[in-house]
């Protein structure tokens, strides 16, 4: 079982903004792009352009408030 937890799914721009904010706070985040991985492997994807941010479970409590603040700014 992975020690990383998915905390956000969005488009490239949103994901980059949140990822950079997490990195600024020394939170180790990982970006997963399943559609790009599938495309490179020769498979299609029904949802193009969505990426996921995963953080280590030990940093989840630190990451959640940052993500909540940024997502509320992005969607208002």
C-alpha atoms as a PDB file:
ATOM      1  CA  UNK A   1       0.000   0.000   0.000  1.00  0.00           C
ATOM      2  CA  UNK A   2       1.225   3.450  -0.897  1.00  0.00           C
ATOM      3  CA  UNK A   3       2.135   6.048   1.698  1.00  0.00           C
ATOM      4  CA  UNK A   4       0.848   8.758  -0.644  1.00  0.00           C
ATOM      5  CA  UNK A   5      -2.732  10.030  -0.710  1.00  0.00           C
ATOM      6  CA  UNK A   6      -4.484  11.792  -3.583  1.00  0.00           C
ATOM      7  CA  UNK A   7      -5.445  15.280  -2.410  1.00  0.00           C
ATOM      8  CA  UNK A   8      -6.445  17.066  -5.612  1.00  0.00           C
ATOM      9  CA  UNK A   9      -7.438  16.442  -9.227  1.00  0.00           C
ATOM     10  CA  UNK A  10      -7.547  19.274 -11.747  1.00  0.00           C
ATOM     11  CA  UNK A  11      -6.175  20.768 -14.911  1.00  0.00           C
ATOM     12  CA  UNK A  12      -2.489  21.460 -15.505  1.00  0.00           C
ATOM     13  CA  UNK A  13      -2.604  25.119 -14.426  1.00  0.00           C
ATOM     14  CA  UNK A  14      -4.482  24.447 -11.168  1.00  0.00           C
ATOM     15  CA  UNK A  15      -2.257  21.493 -10.331  1.00  0.00           C
ATOM     16  CA  UNK A  16       0.931  23.483 -10.946  1.00  0.00           C
ATOM     17  CA  UNK A  17      -0.277  26.339  -8.746  1.00  0.00           C
ATOM     18  CA  UNK A  18      -1.146  24.016  -5.852  1.00  0.00           C
ATOM     19  CA  UNK A  19       2.008  21.928  -6.331  1.00  0.00           C
ATOM     20  CA  UNK A  20       4.185  25.063  -6.157  1.00  0.00           C
ATOM     21  CA  UNK A  21       2.396  26.274  -3.020  1.00  0.00           C
ATOM     22  CA  UNK A  22       2.983  22.911  -1.342  1.00  0.00           C
ATOM     23  CA  UNK A  23       6.649  22.905  -2.344  1.00  0.00           C
ATOM     24  CA  UNK A  24       7.024  26.415  -0.880  1.00  0.00           C
ATOM     25  CA  UNK A  25       5.906  24.962   2.454  1.00  0.00           C
ATOM     26  CA  UNK A  26       8.386  22.060   2.109  1.00  0.00           C
ATOM     27  CA  UNK A  27       5.612  19.548   1.510  1.00  0.00           C
ATOM     28  CA  UNK A  28       6.735  16.778  -0.827  1.00  0.00           C
ATOM     29  CA  UNK A  29       4.044  16.392  -3.464  1.00  0.00           C
ATOM     30  CA  UNK A  30       3.860  14.143  -6.504  1.00  0.00           C
ATOM     31  CA  UNK A  31       1.959  14.900  -9.711  1.00  0.00           C
ATOM     32  CA  UNK A  32       0.405  11.950 -11.543  1.00  0.00           C
ATOM     33  CA  UNK A  33      -0.889  12.315 -15.070  1.00  0.00           C
ATOM     34  CA  UNK A  34      -2.695   9.072 -15.898  1.00  0.00           C
ATOM     35  CA  UNK A  35      -3.899  10.299 -19.296  1.00  0.00           C
ATOM     36  CA  UNK A  36      -0.337  11.119 -20.393  1.00  0.00           C
ATOM     37  CA  UNK A  37       0.955   7.779 -19.100  1.00  0.00           C
ATOM     38  CA  UNK A  38      -1.790   5.979 -20.990  1.00  0.00           C
ATOM     39  CA  UNK A  39      -1.150   7.951 -24.164  1.00  0.00           C
ATOM     40  CA  UNK A  40       2.535   7.115 -24.065  1.00  0.00           C
ATOM     41  CA  UNK A  41       1.710   3.434 -23.557  1.00  0.00           C
ATOM     42  CA  UNK A  42      -0.663   3.496 -26.541  1.00  0.00           C
ATOM     43  CA  UNK A  43      -3.946   3.580 -24.643  1.00  0.00           C
ATOM     44  CA  UNK A  44      -6.587   6.273 -24.908  1.00  0.00           C
ATOM     45  CA  UNK A  45      -8.103   8.108 -21.987  1.00  0.00           C
ATOM     46  CA  UNK A  46     -11.630   9.360 -21.559  1.00  0.00           C
ATOM     47  CA  UNK A  47     -10.510  12.357 -19.496  1.00  0.00           C
ATOM     48  CA  UNK A  48      -7.741  14.364 -21.106  1.00  0.00           C
ATOM     49  CA  UNK A  49      -5.685  16.921 -19.271  1.00  0.00           C
ATOM     50  CA  UNK A  50      -6.527  16.072 -15.668  1.00  0.00           C
ATOM     51  CA  UNK A  51      -3.686  15.541 -13.261  1.00  0.00           C
ATOM     52  CA  UNK A  52      -3.588  14.408  -9.640  1.00  0.00           C
ATOM     53  CA  UNK A  53      -1.565  15.675  -6.692  1.00  0.00           C
ATOM     54  CA  UNK A  54      -0.535  13.153  -4.067  1.00  0.00           C
ATOM     55  CA  UNK A  55       1.138  13.937  -0.741  1.00  0.00           C
ATOM     56  CA  UNK A  56       2.697  11.683   1.854  1.00  0.00           C
ATOM     57  CA  UNK A  57       0.176  10.694   4.503  1.00  0.00           C
ATOM     58  CA  UNK A  58       2.407  12.232   7.198  1.00  0.00           C
ATOM     59  CA  UNK A  59       2.049  15.643   5.500  1.00  0.00           C
ATOM     60  CA  UNK A  60      -1.689  15.464   4.801  1.00  0.00           C
ATOM     61  CA  UNK A  61      -2.671  17.688   7.740  1.00  0.00           C
ATOM     62  CA  UNK A  62      -0.229  20.364   6.540  1.00  0.00           C
ATOM     63  CA  UNK A  63      -1.315  20.141   2.896  1.00  0.00           C
ATOM     64  CA  UNK A  64      -5.104  20.240   3.329  1.00  0.00           C
ATOM     65  CA  UNK A  65      -5.451  23.892   4.470  1.00  0.00           C
ATOM     66  CA  UNK A  66      -3.192  25.088   1.634  1.00  0.00           C
ATOM     67  CA  UNK A  67      -5.196  23.143  -0.950  1.00  0.00           C
ATOM     68  CA  UNK A  68      -8.539  24.330   0.471  1.00  0.00           C
ATOM     69  CA  UNK A  69      -7.425  27.981   0.371  1.00  0.00           C
ATOM     70  CA  UNK A  70      -6.132  27.780  -3.203  1.00  0.00           C
ATOM     71  CA  UNK A  71      -9.105  25.838  -4.556  1.00  0.00           C
ATOM     72  CA  UNK A  72     -11.526  28.352  -3.056  1.00  0.00           C
ATOM     73  CA  UNK A  73      -9.550  31.144  -4.776  1.00  0.00           C
ATOM     74  CA  UNK A  74      -9.468  29.256  -8.080  1.00  0.00           C
ATOM     75  CA  UNK A  75     -13.209  28.602  -8.141  1.00  0.00           C
ATOM     76  CA  UNK A  76     -14.445  32.033  -7.077  1.00  0.00           C
END
